[in-house]
């Protein structure tokens, strides 16, 4: 069985490595799936990492959710939840990331 090719990411200066499948399969309607599915031109930095001009602080949570379908939302502070919500919205993962979860309700309360 062939494995998915690796993808090196530079999210606001923080480096991440993952696979093409991780970025495209869990939510095919996300911005990441569009970027890495060939619908967008990607910008690479001088070392060949795909550069995304976002704060990389919470991207590990986004990436782990794409890998496993689990995010540590209850363990985050109110500020961190709000920041993660913004990142999920940017990557167009908001519905899939929080859908059907009591966490979605809690996030809405904290953000409003």
C-alpha atoms as a PDB file:
ATOM      1  CA  UNK A   1       0.000   0.000   0.000  1.00  0.00           C
ATOM      2  CA  UNK A   2       1.459   3.356  -1.030  1.00  0.00           C
ATOM      3  CA  UNK A   3       1.698   5.975   1.668  1.00  0.00           C
ATOM      4  CA  UNK A   4       0.644   9.562   1.243  1.00  0.00           C
ATOM      5  CA  UNK A   5       3.495  11.953   0.454  1.00  0.00           C
ATOM      6  CA  UNK A   6       4.832  14.089   3.300  1.00  0.00           C
ATOM      7  CA  UNK A   7       4.065  17.785   3.452  1.00  0.00           C
ATOM      8  CA  UNK A   8       6.242  20.273   5.313  1.00  0.00           C
ATOM      9  CA  UNK A   9       4.423  23.317   6.643  1.00  0.00           C
ATOM     10  CA  UNK A  10       5.588  26.662   7.973  1.00  0.00           C
ATOM     11  CA  UNK A  11       2.640  28.180   9.819  1.00  0.00           C
ATOM     12  CA  UNK A  12       3.699  31.663  10.906  1.00  0.00           C
ATOM     13  CA  UNK A  13       7.250  30.482  11.571  1.00  0.00           C
ATOM     14  CA  UNK A  14       6.338  27.218  13.314  1.00  0.00           C
ATOM     15  CA  UNK A  15       7.281  24.073  11.421  1.00  0.00           C
ATOM     16  CA  UNK A  16       5.026  21.038  11.040  1.00  0.00           C
ATOM     17  CA  UNK A  17       5.271  17.832   9.042  1.00  0.00           C
ATOM     18  CA  UNK A  18       2.270  15.761   8.056  1.00  0.00           C
ATOM     19  CA  UNK A  19       0.922  13.896   5.043  1.00  0.00           C
ATOM     20  CA  UNK A  20      -1.164  14.938   2.094  1.00  0.00           C
ATOM     21  CA  UNK A  21      -3.909  12.534   3.233  1.00  0.00           C
ATOM     22  CA  UNK A  22      -4.060  14.172   6.671  1.00  0.00           C
ATOM     23  CA  UNK A  23      -4.607  17.578   5.096  1.00  0.00           C
ATOM     24  CA  UNK A  24      -7.220  16.471   2.575  1.00  0.00           C
ATOM     25  CA  UNK A  25      -9.253  13.466   3.725  1.00  0.00           C
ATOM     26  CA  UNK A  26     -11.051  14.293   7.005  1.00  0.00           C
ATOM     27  CA  UNK A  27     -12.769  17.410   5.640  1.00  0.00           C
ATOM     28  CA  UNK A  28     -12.647  17.643   1.843  1.00  0.00           C
ATOM     29  CA  UNK A  29     -14.458  21.020   1.970  1.00  0.00           C
ATOM     30  CA  UNK A  30     -11.789  22.707   4.096  1.00  0.00           C
ATOM     31  CA  UNK A  31      -9.355  25.338   2.935  1.00  0.00           C
ATOM     32  CA  UNK A  32      -6.477  22.927   3.587  1.00  0.00           C
ATOM     33  CA  UNK A  33      -8.073  20.278   1.341  1.00  0.00           C
ATOM     34  CA  UNK A  34      -8.527  22.918  -1.358  1.00  0.00           C
ATOM     35  CA  UNK A  35      -4.928  24.140  -0.987  1.00  0.00           C
ATOM     36  CA  UNK A  36      -3.389  20.702  -1.121  1.00  0.00           C
ATOM     37  CA  UNK A  37      -5.883  19.187  -3.527  1.00  0.00           C
ATOM     38  CA  UNK A  38      -4.488  21.322  -6.333  1.00  0.00           C
ATOM     39  CA  UNK A  39      -7.155  24.053  -6.267  1.00  0.00           C
ATOM     40  CA  UNK A  40      -4.751  26.752  -5.042  1.00  0.00           C
ATOM     41  CA  UNK A  41      -1.162  27.707  -5.677  1.00  0.00           C
ATOM     42  CA  UNK A  42       0.883  27.221  -2.524  1.00  0.00           C
ATOM     43  CA  UNK A  43       3.689  29.528  -1.438  1.00  0.00           C
ATOM     44  CA  UNK A  44       6.919  27.859  -0.299  1.00  0.00           C
ATOM     45  CA  UNK A  45       9.594  29.388   1.878  1.00  0.00           C
ATOM     46  CA  UNK A  46      13.310  29.189   1.147  1.00  0.00           C
ATOM     47  CA  UNK A  47      13.573  25.704   2.664  1.00  0.00           C
ATOM     48  CA  UNK A  48      10.671  24.232   0.686  1.00  0.00           C
ATOM     49  CA  UNK A  49       8.064  24.426   3.454  1.00  0.00           C
ATOM     50  CA  UNK A  50       4.574  25.480   2.395  1.00  0.00           C
ATOM     51  CA  UNK A  51       4.086  28.861   4.066  1.00  0.00           C
ATOM     52  CA  UNK A  52       0.739  29.877   5.568  1.00  0.00           C
ATOM     53  CA  UNK A  53       0.621  33.355   7.066  1.00  0.00           C
ATOM     54  CA  UNK A  54      -1.176  32.497  10.307  1.00  0.00           C
ATOM     55  CA  UNK A  55      -0.174  32.280  13.959  1.00  0.00           C
ATOM     56  CA  UNK A  56       1.010  28.695  14.367  1.00  0.00           C
ATOM     57  CA  UNK A  57       0.247  28.513  18.099  1.00  0.00           C
ATOM     58  CA  UNK A  58      -2.874  26.354  17.724  1.00  0.00           C
ATOM     59  CA  UNK A  59      -2.130  24.613  14.436  1.00  0.00           C
ATOM     60  CA  UNK A  60      -1.033  21.475  16.271  1.00  0.00           C
ATOM     61  CA  UNK A  61      -4.611  21.151  17.555  1.00  0.00           C
ATOM     62  CA  UNK A  62      -5.934  21.568  14.016  1.00  0.00           C
ATOM     63  CA  UNK A  63      -3.461  18.987  12.743  1.00  0.00           C
ATOM     64  CA  UNK A  64      -4.205  16.489  15.517  1.00  0.00           C
ATOM     65  CA  UNK A  65      -7.916  16.853  14.841  1.00  0.00           C
ATOM     66  CA  UNK A  66      -7.304  16.169  11.152  1.00  0.00           C
ATOM     67  CA  UNK A  67      -5.300  13.085  12.131  1.00  0.00           C
ATOM     68  CA  UNK A  68      -7.445  11.653  14.925  1.00  0.00           C
ATOM     69  CA  UNK A  69     -10.730  13.543  15.071  1.00  0.00           C
ATOM     70  CA  UNK A  70      -9.921  14.676  18.619  1.00  0.00           C
ATOM     71  CA  UNK A  71      -9.234  18.190  19.912  1.00  0.00           C
ATOM     72  CA  UNK A  72      -8.389  19.099  23.532  1.00  0.00           C
ATOM     73  CA  UNK A  73     -10.967  21.871  23.654  1.00  0.00           C
ATOM     74  CA  UNK A  74     -12.210  21.331  27.251  1.00  0.00           C
ATOM     75  CA  UNK A  75      -8.636  21.692  28.527  1.00  0.00           C
ATOM     76  CA  UNK A  76      -8.093  25.088  26.892  1.00  0.00           C
ATOM     77  CA  UNK A  77      -8.599  28.472  28.535  1.00  0.00           C
ATOM     78  CA  UNK A  78     -11.346  30.776  27.303  1.00  0.00           C
ATOM     79  CA  UNK A  79      -8.799  32.812  25.341  1.00  0.00           C
ATOM     80  CA  UNK A  80      -7.253  29.707  23.772  1.00  0.00           C
ATOM     81  CA  UNK A  81     -10.721  28.408  22.802  1.00  0.00           C
ATOM     82  CA  UNK A  82     -11.500  31.712  21.146  1.00  0.00           C
ATOM     83  CA  UNK A  83      -8.177  31.662  19.269  1.00  0.00           C
ATOM     84  CA  UNK A  84      -8.718  28.049  18.195  1.00  0.00           C
ATOM     85  CA  UNK A  85     -12.211  28.932  16.989  1.00  0.00           C
ATOM     86  CA  UNK A  86     -10.700  31.683  14.825  1.00  0.00           C
ATOM     87  CA  UNK A  87      -8.177  29.246  13.360  1.00  0.00           C
ATOM     88  CA  UNK A  88     -10.821  26.593  12.681  1.00  0.00           C
ATOM     89  CA  UNK A  89     -12.895  29.263  10.947  1.00  0.00           C
ATOM     90  CA  UNK A  90      -9.925  30.392   8.831  1.00  0.00           C
ATOM     91  CA  UNK A  91      -9.186  26.831   7.711  1.00  0.00           C
ATOM     92  CA  UNK A  92     -12.921  26.334   7.022  1.00  0.00           C
ATOM     93  CA  UNK A  93     -13.091  23.502   9.541  1.00  0.00           C
ATOM     94  CA  UNK A  94     -15.579  25.151  11.861  1.00  0.00           C
ATOM     95  CA  UNK A  95     -18.558  22.907  11.170  1.00  0.00           C
ATOM     96  CA  UNK A  96     -16.630  19.642  11.078  1.00  0.00           C
ATOM     97  CA  UNK A  97     -14.332  20.597  13.948  1.00  0.00           C
ATOM     98  CA  UNK A  98     -17.130  21.446  16.386  1.00  0.00           C
ATOM     99  CA  UNK A  99     -20.279  19.918  14.863  1.00  0.00           C
ATOM    100  CA  UNK A 100     -22.493  17.962  17.214  1.00  0.00           C
ATOM    101  CA  UNK A 101     -20.437  18.787  20.249  1.00  0.00           C
ATOM    102  CA  UNK A 102     -21.361  20.493  23.480  1.00  0.00           C
ATOM    103  CA  UNK A 103     -18.044  22.251  23.027  1.00  0.00           C
ATOM    104  CA  UNK A 104     -19.559  24.157  20.090  1.00  0.00           C
ATOM    105  CA  UNK A 105     -22.178  25.573  22.452  1.00  0.00           C
ATOM    106  CA  UNK A 106     -19.549  26.492  25.020  1.00  0.00           C
ATOM    107  CA  UNK A 107     -17.390  28.173  22.395  1.00  0.00           C
ATOM    108  CA  UNK A 108     -20.291  30.230  21.094  1.00  0.00           C
ATOM    109  CA  UNK A 109     -21.010  31.485  24.598  1.00  0.00           C
ATOM    110  CA  UNK A 110     -17.377  32.422  25.218  1.00  0.00           C
ATOM    111  CA  UNK A 111     -16.885  34.139  21.879  1.00  0.00           C
ATOM    112  CA  UNK A 112     -20.047  36.282  21.936  1.00  0.00           C
END
